[in-house]
Each structure stands twice: as structure tokens, then as C-alpha cells.
């Protein structure tokens, strides 16, 4: 076997193993009923790719055959104008050029200073941290995203 074939086989095996590991992720697994419900909903709304090479969904090709999607309510033109005026007043607009900085960052003297508000003191944060450590209400280092009191409920007091 030459080196090229060995590299190709190794890469293929690694891809298969990675695919199985990702597919076996318990945090994103769904029950058969959940998958069936999603399939029926997609069929009902036409949210399925059409046969062919168009890349469009059925509800895009045949909009009269499926219920219309509910559009998210947007802002009124008055609200947009008010936001634009506020952004102009505060310099919260991106400056022309390649810097990507806002006008109030490039020319801070031309715009009102942003007021920083302190929400919690250092002691309050420390007290919250101690309480979270005591109750296990803190993230674990596992890939599940669960907190320590969810992984080890017997080691922490129950929440009241």
C-alpha cells in the first residue's frame, strides 16, 4: 500500500467515527414520536425540499397549497426613524471607511458620553458565587451543559 491510499483510508475511518460520535450525542437525541411530529408538521407546512435540483422547498414552489407563514411583526416607520435619530445623536453609527468603528468611538468628544451603571458590587458577586458553589448551581465541565446539582443531586442541598 502506498502512502496516498493509507492516508485516504485513515481519513475515511476518522470521518465515520466522528459521525457516529456526533450522532450518538444524548443531549440532542429525540424520541421517535418527536421526529414523527416534526416530519408531519414539515409535510403540513411544505417545509420539505422539493424533488429536483432547484433547492427550493415545496411551500416556496407551491405557496397556494400550504398555509402562509406568520410574518414576525416589524417596526413601524416612526419607530425606525426614532431609532435612526437616536443613533445619529449618540454617534452609534458605523463610520465610513475600513475601520469598522462607530462614530462615537472615533470622535468621542462630538457625542454624549455613555454612562456606565454598576449593577452589582464586588461583594454581591462574591456572595452570589459562594451561594452557587454551595448549592451546586454552577456549570460543570461536562459536555452535557448541566449544572453540578443536576449531575450530582445528592451532594447539594435541595432548592427551596
Protein backbone atom coordinates (compact mmCIF):
# COMPACT_ATOMS: atom_id res chain seq x y z
CA UNK A 1 0.00 0.00 0.00
CA UNK A 2 1.32 3.36 -0.79
CA UNK A 3 1.05 6.40 1.42
CA UNK A 4 -1.82 8.00 -0.50
CA UNK A 5 -4.17 5.06 -0.01
CA UNK A 6 -3.25 4.73 3.65
CA UNK A 7 -3.99 8.43 4.25
CA UNK A 8 -7.32 8.14 2.44
CA UNK A 9 -8.38 5.09 4.43
CA UNK A 10 -7.33 6.72 7.71
CA UNK A 11 -9.30 9.87 6.88
CA UNK A 12 -12.38 7.83 5.94
CA UNK A 13 -12.27 5.84 9.19
CA UNK A 14 -11.84 9.03 11.22
CA UNK A 15 -14.84 10.60 9.47
CA UNK A 16 -17.00 7.54 10.19
CA UNK A 17 -16.02 7.50 13.85
CA UNK A 18 -16.67 11.25 14.22
CA UNK A 19 -20.06 10.87 12.55
CA UNK A 20 -21.08 8.11 14.94
CA UNK A 21 -19.93 10.10 17.95
CA UNK A 22 -21.93 13.14 16.86
CA UNK A 23 -24.98 11.03 16.06
CA UNK A 24 -24.86 9.39 19.48
CA UNK A 25 -24.95 12.70 21.36
CA UNK A 26 -27.57 12.15 24.06
CA UNK A 27 -28.15 15.85 24.67
CA UNK A 28 -29.67 16.33 21.19
CA UNK A 29 -31.41 12.97 20.77
CA UNK A 30 -35.10 12.94 20.08
CA UNK A 31 -37.71 10.29 20.57
CA UNK A 32 -39.35 8.57 17.63
CA UNK A 33 -42.56 10.46 18.35
CA UNK A 34 -40.79 13.83 18.34
CA UNK A 35 -39.22 13.06 14.97
CA UNK A 36 -42.55 11.88 13.56
CA UNK A 37 -44.29 15.03 14.85
CA UNK A 38 -41.64 17.23 13.22
CA UNK A 39 -42.00 15.29 9.95
CA UNK A 40 -45.80 15.65 9.93
CA UNK A 41 -45.51 19.37 10.69
CA UNK A 42 -42.97 19.83 7.88
CA UNK A 43 -45.25 17.94 5.48
CA UNK A 44 -48.25 20.03 6.56
CA UNK A 45 -46.44 23.34 6.06
CA UNK A 46 -44.47 22.28 2.96
CA UNK A 47 -41.17 22.87 4.73
CA UNK A 48 -39.54 19.99 2.81
CA UNK A 49 -37.14 20.21 -0.13
CA UNK A 50 -38.83 19.61 -3.48
CA UNK A 51 -37.65 16.86 -5.79
CA UNK A 52 -35.23 18.18 -8.37
CA UNK A 53 -32.24 20.44 -8.45
CA UNK A 54 -33.94 23.73 -7.60
CA UNK A 55 -33.02 23.61 -3.92
CA UNK A 56 -36.38 25.17 -3.06
CA UNK A 57 -38.91 23.91 -0.56
CA UNK A 58 -42.41 22.81 -1.53
CA UNK A 59 -44.00 25.85 0.13
CA UNK A 60 -41.76 28.09 -1.99
CA UNK A 61 -42.69 26.36 -5.25
CA UNK A 62 -46.40 25.96 -4.48
CA UNK A 63 -47.33 28.70 -1.96
CA UNK A 64 -51.08 28.29 -2.59
CA UNK A 65 -51.00 24.65 -1.46
CA UNK A 66 -49.66 25.35 2.02
CA UNK A 67 -50.62 27.68 4.89
CA UNK A 68 -48.89 31.04 4.81
CA UNK A 69 -46.09 31.58 7.29
CA UNK A 70 -46.87 34.05 10.02
CA UNK A 71 -44.63 37.04 9.50
CA UNK A 72 -42.93 38.50 12.53
CA UNK A 73 -44.24 41.90 13.39
CA UNK A 74 -41.69 44.52 12.41
CA UNK A 75 -41.13 48.07 13.49
CA UNK A 76 -43.25 50.92 12.22
CA UNK A 77 -41.60 53.59 10.11
CA UNK A 78 -41.92 56.02 13.02
CA UNK A 79 -40.04 53.61 15.29
CA UNK A 80 -37.31 53.16 12.67
CA UNK A 81 -36.97 56.92 12.27
CA UNK A 82 -36.77 57.36 16.05
CA UNK A 83 -34.03 54.70 16.30
CA UNK A 84 -32.10 56.36 13.47
CA UNK A 85 -32.32 59.78 15.12
CA UNK A 86 -31.15 58.33 18.45
CA UNK A 87 -28.23 56.57 16.73
CA UNK A 88 -27.25 59.80 14.97
CA UNK A 89 -27.47 61.76 18.23
CA UNK A 90 -25.36 59.25 20.16
CA UNK A 91 -22.90 58.50 17.34
CA UNK A 92 -23.88 54.86 17.33
CA UNK A 93 -23.43 54.62 13.54
CA UNK A 94 -20.55 52.90 11.79
CA UNK A 95 -18.07 55.40 10.36
CA UNK A 96 -17.28 55.43 6.66
CA UNK A 97 -14.04 53.58 5.95
CA UNK A 98 -12.46 50.26 6.72
CA UNK A 99 -12.02 50.65 10.46
CA UNK A 100 -15.46 49.28 11.33
CA UNK A 101 -15.59 51.58 14.34
CA UNK A 102 -18.57 53.68 15.33
CA UNK A 103 -18.53 57.46 15.15
CA UNK A 104 -18.66 57.80 18.94
CA UNK A 105 -15.55 55.60 19.17
CA UNK A 106 -13.60 57.65 16.61
CA UNK A 107 -14.77 61.08 17.81
CA UNK A 108 -15.81 60.71 21.47
CA UNK A 109 -15.81 64.47 22.05
CA UNK A 110 -18.57 65.03 19.49
CA UNK A 111 -21.10 62.80 21.23
CA UNK A 112 -22.51 62.48 24.75
CA UNK A 113 -20.58 60.07 26.96
CA UNK A 114 -22.20 56.77 27.71
CA UNK A 115 -22.99 56.41 31.37
CA UNK A 116 -21.75 53.25 32.98
CA UNK A 117 -24.07 51.81 35.59
CA UNK A 118 -22.82 49.45 38.23
CA UNK A 119 -25.45 46.83 38.79
CA UNK A 120 -23.79 44.74 41.48
CA UNK A 121 -20.86 45.35 43.78
CA UNK A 122 -17.83 43.08 44.08
CA UNK A 123 -19.10 41.77 47.42
CA UNK A 124 -22.50 40.96 45.93
CA UNK A 125 -20.85 39.00 43.13
CA UNK A 126 -18.67 37.11 45.61
CA UNK A 127 -21.72 36.29 47.73
CA UNK A 128 -23.58 35.03 44.65
CA UNK A 129 -20.59 32.86 43.70
CA UNK A 130 -20.35 31.34 47.20
CA UNK A 131 -24.08 30.56 47.14
CA UNK A 132 -23.83 28.99 43.68
CA UNK A 133 -20.90 26.84 44.83
CA UNK A 134 -22.78 25.81 47.97
CA UNK A 135 -25.93 24.80 46.09
CA UNK A 136 -24.17 23.37 43.01
CA UNK A 137 -25.91 25.92 40.82
CA UNK A 138 -22.79 26.28 38.70
CA UNK A 139 -21.87 24.82 35.31
CA UNK A 140 -19.99 21.55 35.23
CA UNK A 141 -17.09 20.79 32.93
CA UNK A 142 -19.03 18.05 31.15
CA UNK A 143 -20.30 18.32 27.60
CA UNK A 144 -23.91 17.95 28.70
CA UNK A 145 -24.23 21.57 29.76
CA UNK A 146 -25.84 20.54 33.03
CA UNK A 147 -25.10 22.16 36.36
CA UNK A 148 -23.36 20.30 39.17
CA UNK A 149 -26.57 19.98 41.21
CA UNK A 150 -28.23 18.35 38.19
CA UNK A 151 -25.40 15.86 37.71
CA UNK A 152 -24.93 15.09 41.41
CA UNK A 153 -28.23 15.89 43.17
CA UNK A 154 -27.31 14.02 46.37
CA UNK A 155 -24.27 16.19 47.05
CA UNK A 156 -26.06 19.53 47.20
CA UNK A 157 -28.97 20.88 49.26
CA UNK A 158 -32.33 20.98 47.54
CA UNK A 159 -33.59 24.37 46.37
CA UNK A 160 -36.36 25.83 48.44
